[in-house]
Amino acid sequence: GSKIAIIDNKILRPGEMVGQQRIDHIADDHVILLEGDETDFLYLKGSTPPQKREGKK
């Protein structure tokens, strides 16, 4: 069921901590990390990050 991410050779699941950040969501090609009010997207190796959205589609 639950997706996992492998970061620094550790197997991580949603809700686990990476340093000071908590994993919020794991998708096929990225992980969403939360730290306080900050949200970071971590793109997994071998994936192509989507273009940054800057008001354009």
C-alpha atoms as a PDB file:
ATOM      1  CA  GLY A   1       0.000   0.000   0.000  1.00  0.00           C
ATOM      2  CA  SER A   2       2.120   2.836   1.257  1.00  0.00           C
ATOM      3  CA  LYS A   3       4.805   4.202  -0.992  1.00  0.00           C
ATOM      4  CA  ILE A   4       8.357   4.410   0.221  1.00  0.00           C
ATOM      5  CA  ALA A   5      11.278   6.610  -0.709  1.00  0.00           C
ATOM      6  CA  ILE A   6      14.925   5.661  -0.438  1.00  0.00           C
ATOM      7  CA  ILE A   7      17.021   8.634   0.655  1.00  0.00           C
ATOM      8  CA  ASP A   8      20.668   8.213   1.640  1.00  0.00           C
ATOM      9  CA  ASN A   9      20.124   4.449   1.573  1.00  0.00           C
ATOM     10  CA  LYS A  10      17.405   4.688   4.219  1.00  0.00           C
ATOM     11  CA  ILE A  11      13.904   3.427   3.487  1.00  0.00           C
ATOM     12  CA  LEU A  12      11.434   6.122   4.452  1.00  0.00           C
ATOM     13  CA  ARG A  13       7.658   6.259   4.640  1.00  0.00           C
ATOM     14  CA  PRO A  14       5.194   9.135   4.979  1.00  0.00           C
ATOM     15  CA  GLY A  15       5.254  10.560   8.486  1.00  0.00           C
ATOM     16  CA  GLU A  16       8.905   9.686   9.075  1.00  0.00           C
ATOM     17  CA  MET A  17      11.500  12.347   9.679  1.00  0.00           C
ATOM     18  CA  VAL A  18      14.386  13.333   7.430  1.00  0.00           C
ATOM     19  CA  GLY A  19      16.532  15.538   9.635  1.00  0.00           C
ATOM     20  CA  GLN A  20      14.170  18.294  10.800  1.00  0.00           C
ATOM     21  CA  GLN A  21      11.685  17.604   8.024  1.00  0.00           C
ATOM     22  CA  ARG A  22       8.720  15.263   8.055  1.00  0.00           C
ATOM     23  CA  ILE A  23       7.724  13.347   4.956  1.00  0.00           C
ATOM     24  CA  ASP A  24       4.212  14.426   4.027  1.00  0.00           C
ATOM     25  CA  HIS A  25       3.672  12.591   0.763  1.00  0.00           C
ATOM     26  CA  ILE A  26       5.566  10.236  -1.513  1.00  0.00           C
ATOM     27  CA  ALA A  27       4.707  10.221  -5.197  1.00  0.00           C
ATOM     28  CA  ASP A  28       6.206   8.185  -8.007  1.00  0.00           C
ATOM     29  CA  ASP A  29       8.851  10.778  -8.784  1.00  0.00           C
ATOM     30  CA  HIS A  30       8.978  13.149  -5.836  1.00  0.00           C
ATOM     31  CA  VAL A  31       8.650  13.446  -2.085  1.00  0.00           C
ATOM     32  CA  ILE A  32       7.016  16.336  -0.244  1.00  0.00           C
ATOM     33  CA  LEU A  33       8.824  17.311   2.953  1.00  0.00           C
ATOM     34  CA  LEU A  34       7.354  19.611   5.585  1.00  0.00           C
ATOM     35  CA  GLU A  35       9.369  21.676   8.041  1.00  0.00           C
ATOM     36  CA  GLY A  36       7.183  24.002  10.054  1.00  0.00           C
ATOM     37  CA  ASP A  37       5.435  26.206   7.492  1.00  0.00           C
ATOM     38  CA  GLU A  38       7.951  25.359   4.770  1.00  0.00           C
ATOM     39  CA  THR A  39       7.234  22.773   2.103  1.00  0.00           C
ATOM     40  CA  ASP A  40      10.047  21.251   0.071  1.00  0.00           C
ATOM     41  CA  PHE A  41       9.728  19.039  -2.959  1.00  0.00           C
ATOM     42  CA  LEU A  42      12.477  16.467  -3.264  1.00  0.00           C
ATOM     43  CA  TYR A  43      12.802  14.961  -6.705  1.00  0.00           C
ATOM     44  CA  LEU A  44      13.924  11.372  -6.762  1.00  0.00           C
ATOM     45  CA  LYS A  45      16.896  10.221  -8.793  1.00  0.00           C
ATOM     46  CA  GLY A  46      16.068   9.314 -12.360  1.00  0.00           C
ATOM     47  CA  SER A  47      13.021  11.553 -12.517  1.00  0.00           C
ATOM     48  CA  THR A  48      12.612  14.740 -14.482  1.00  0.00           C
ATOM     49  CA  PRO A  49      11.428  17.615 -12.307  1.00  0.00           C
ATOM     50  CA  PRO A  50       8.407  19.427 -13.729  1.00  0.00           C
ATOM     51  CA  GLN A  51       9.030  22.965 -14.862  1.00  0.00           C
ATOM     52  CA  LYS A  52       8.600  25.559 -12.127  1.00  0.00           C
ATOM     53  CA  ARG A  53       5.232  27.226 -12.414  1.00  0.00           C
ATOM     54  CA  GLU A  54       5.580  30.970 -12.849  1.00  0.00           C
ATOM     55  CA  GLY A  55       2.103  31.972 -13.869  1.00  0.00           C
ATOM     56  CA  LYS A  56       2.453  30.132 -17.185  1.00  0.00           C
ATOM     57  CA  LYS A  57       1.103  26.729 -18.115  1.00  0.00           C
END
